[in-house]
Amino acid sequence: MQYCSNHSGRKYRHDLLFIGGLLLIIAAASLALFLFRVPGDTVTVTVDGQVWGEFSLSENRTVEITGADGYNLLVIANGQAYVSEASCPDGICSSHRPISHDGESIICLPNRVVISVQRQDDRQPDIIS
């Protein structure tokens, strides 16, 4: 049986074009999400699925979030929120970068804590809709 090398080269070239196109689409979508993200103004804390508290990003403060499974120390400073200390064994939440944009969150699974940023102030234009 004889194979035609011409088809193999075309197939390889089409695969490269397809992969390149996908990478270009992914890069464009990532850039659009980064450029059009909206700053948040409120931090909502939920513990075990229940709203535990809401705090303004414009007011610097430190909040100890306590629950049945442990504690997290939330720091809000300079318009950003981060976890400085946690009682969970892995400490992933305390190594997370600060959050400040609408839709960003820090999640501590062992302590069942979700810290998320929302935009409550509707005076800023929504460029997505």
Protein backbone atom coordinates (compact mmCIF):
# COMPACT_ATOMS: atom_id res chain seq x y z
CA MET A 1 0.00 0.00 0.00
CA GLN A 2 1.37 3.37 -0.96
CA TYR A 3 0.81 6.58 1.01
CA CYS A 4 0.70 9.94 -0.62
CA SER A 5 2.86 12.40 1.33
CA ASN A 6 1.02 15.34 -0.21
CA HIS A 7 -2.12 14.72 1.92
CA SER A 8 -0.06 14.42 5.10
CA GLY A 9 1.55 17.84 4.60
CA ARG A 10 -1.79 19.52 3.93
CA LYS A 11 -3.34 17.94 6.97
CA TYR A 12 -0.46 19.11 9.18
CA ARG A 13 -0.70 22.66 7.79
CA HIS A 14 -4.49 22.74 8.36
CA ASP A 15 -3.98 21.55 11.91
CA LEU A 16 -1.48 24.33 12.55
CA LEU A 17 -3.83 26.93 11.07
CA PHE A 18 -6.71 25.63 13.19
CA ILE A 19 -4.65 25.67 16.41
CA GLY A 20 -3.29 29.14 15.58
CA GLY A 21 -6.81 30.43 14.99
CA LEU A 22 -8.02 29.01 18.30
CA LEU A 23 -5.09 30.59 20.15
CA LEU A 24 -5.81 33.93 18.51
CA ILE A 25 -9.49 33.76 19.55
CA ILE A 26 -8.56 32.83 23.13
CA ALA A 27 -6.01 35.67 23.33
CA ALA A 28 -8.54 38.20 21.99
CA ALA A 29 -11.22 37.06 24.45
CA SER A 30 -8.79 37.21 27.38
CA LEU A 31 -7.66 40.69 26.40
CA ALA A 32 -11.28 41.87 26.11
CA LEU A 33 -12.13 40.48 29.56
CA PHE A 34 -9.07 42.16 31.05
CA LEU A 35 -9.66 45.54 29.39
CA PHE A 36 -13.39 45.77 30.12
CA ARG A 37 -13.46 44.57 33.73
CA VAL A 38 -15.34 46.87 36.09
CA PRO A 39 -14.10 47.88 39.55
CA GLY A 40 -16.30 46.72 42.41
CA ASP A 41 -17.33 48.70 45.45
CA THR A 42 -18.71 46.09 47.88
CA VAL A 43 -17.30 42.92 49.43
CA THR A 44 -19.84 40.23 50.33
CA VAL A 45 -18.84 37.46 52.72
CA THR A 46 -20.80 34.22 52.86
CA VAL A 47 -20.17 31.45 55.37
CA ASP A 48 -21.67 28.04 54.68
CA GLY A 49 -23.93 29.53 51.98
CA GLN A 50 -25.40 32.28 54.20
CA VAL A 51 -24.54 35.98 53.86
CA TRP A 52 -22.30 36.79 56.81
CA GLY A 53 -21.62 40.44 56.02
CA GLU A 54 -21.19 43.18 53.42
CA PHE A 55 -18.43 45.77 53.52
CA SER A 56 -17.46 48.77 51.41
CA LEU A 57 -14.16 48.61 49.54
CA SER A 58 -13.73 52.34 50.15
CA GLU A 59 -13.42 51.89 53.94
CA ASN A 60 -10.18 50.35 55.27
CA ARG A 61 -10.85 47.70 57.90
CA THR A 62 -9.92 44.26 59.20
CA VAL A 63 -12.69 41.74 59.79
CA GLU A 64 -12.42 38.38 61.53
CA ILE A 65 -14.78 35.95 59.79
CA THR A 66 -15.73 33.18 62.18
CA GLY A 67 -17.62 30.03 61.40
CA ALA A 68 -18.08 26.53 62.75
CA ASP A 69 -15.06 25.28 60.79
CA GLY A 70 -12.53 28.05 61.61
CA TYR A 71 -11.71 31.67 60.94
CA ASN A 72 -10.39 33.92 58.18
CA LEU A 73 -8.95 37.40 58.66
CA LEU A 74 -10.22 39.67 55.87
CA VAL A 75 -8.32 42.89 55.23
CA ILE A 76 -9.86 45.69 53.15
CA ALA A 77 -7.31 48.36 52.30
CA ASN A 78 -6.84 50.84 49.45
CA GLY A 79 -9.88 49.56 47.55
CA GLN A 80 -8.77 45.91 47.63
CA ALA A 81 -9.69 42.91 49.77
CA TYR A 82 -7.50 39.95 50.74
CA VAL A 83 -7.24 37.24 53.38
CA SER A 84 -4.19 37.83 55.58
CA GLU A 85 -4.64 34.82 57.85
CA ALA A 86 -6.76 31.67 57.96
CA SER A 87 -7.16 28.64 60.20
CA CYS A 88 -7.48 26.24 57.26
CA PRO A 89 -4.67 23.69 56.82
CA ASP A 90 -3.73 24.52 53.21
CA GLY A 91 -3.78 28.34 53.42
CA ILE A 92 -4.58 28.81 49.73
CA CYS A 93 -7.02 31.63 50.49
CA SER A 94 -4.37 33.61 52.37
CA SER A 95 -1.95 33.37 49.44
CA HIS A 96 -4.55 34.60 46.91
CA ARG A 97 -3.86 37.99 45.33
CA PRO A 98 -6.02 40.95 46.45
CA ILE A 99 -9.37 41.33 44.67
CA SER A 100 -11.10 44.56 43.68
CA HIS A 101 -13.09 44.01 40.45
CA ASP A 102 -16.71 42.97 39.98
CA GLY A 103 -17.04 39.18 39.96
CA GLU A 104 -13.69 38.35 41.58
CA SER A 105 -13.70 36.09 44.62
CA ILE A 106 -11.55 34.34 47.20
CA ILE A 107 -12.83 30.96 48.35
CA CYS A 108 -11.77 29.03 51.45
CA LEU A 109 -13.25 25.56 51.07
CA PRO A 110 -12.18 24.12 54.46
CA ASN A 111 -13.82 27.03 56.32
CA ARG A 112 -16.72 27.30 53.83
CA VAL A 113 -16.06 31.01 53.28
CA VAL A 114 -16.61 32.88 50.01
CA ILE A 115 -15.45 36.49 49.71
CA SER A 116 -16.68 38.17 46.54
CA VAL A 117 -16.61 41.66 45.05
CA GLN A 118 -19.67 43.25 43.44
CA ARG A 119 -20.49 46.61 41.99
CA GLN A 120 -23.48 48.09 43.81
CA ASP A 121 -23.00 51.64 42.50
CA ASP A 122 -25.01 51.84 39.25
CA ARG A 123 -23.79 55.34 38.39
CA GLN A 124 -20.85 53.85 36.48
CA PRO A 125 -21.73 52.91 32.91
CA ASP A 126 -21.99 49.23 32.08
CA ILE A 127 -20.10 48.83 28.81
CA ILE A 128 -21.08 45.19 28.37
CA SER A 129 -24.85 45.62 27.93
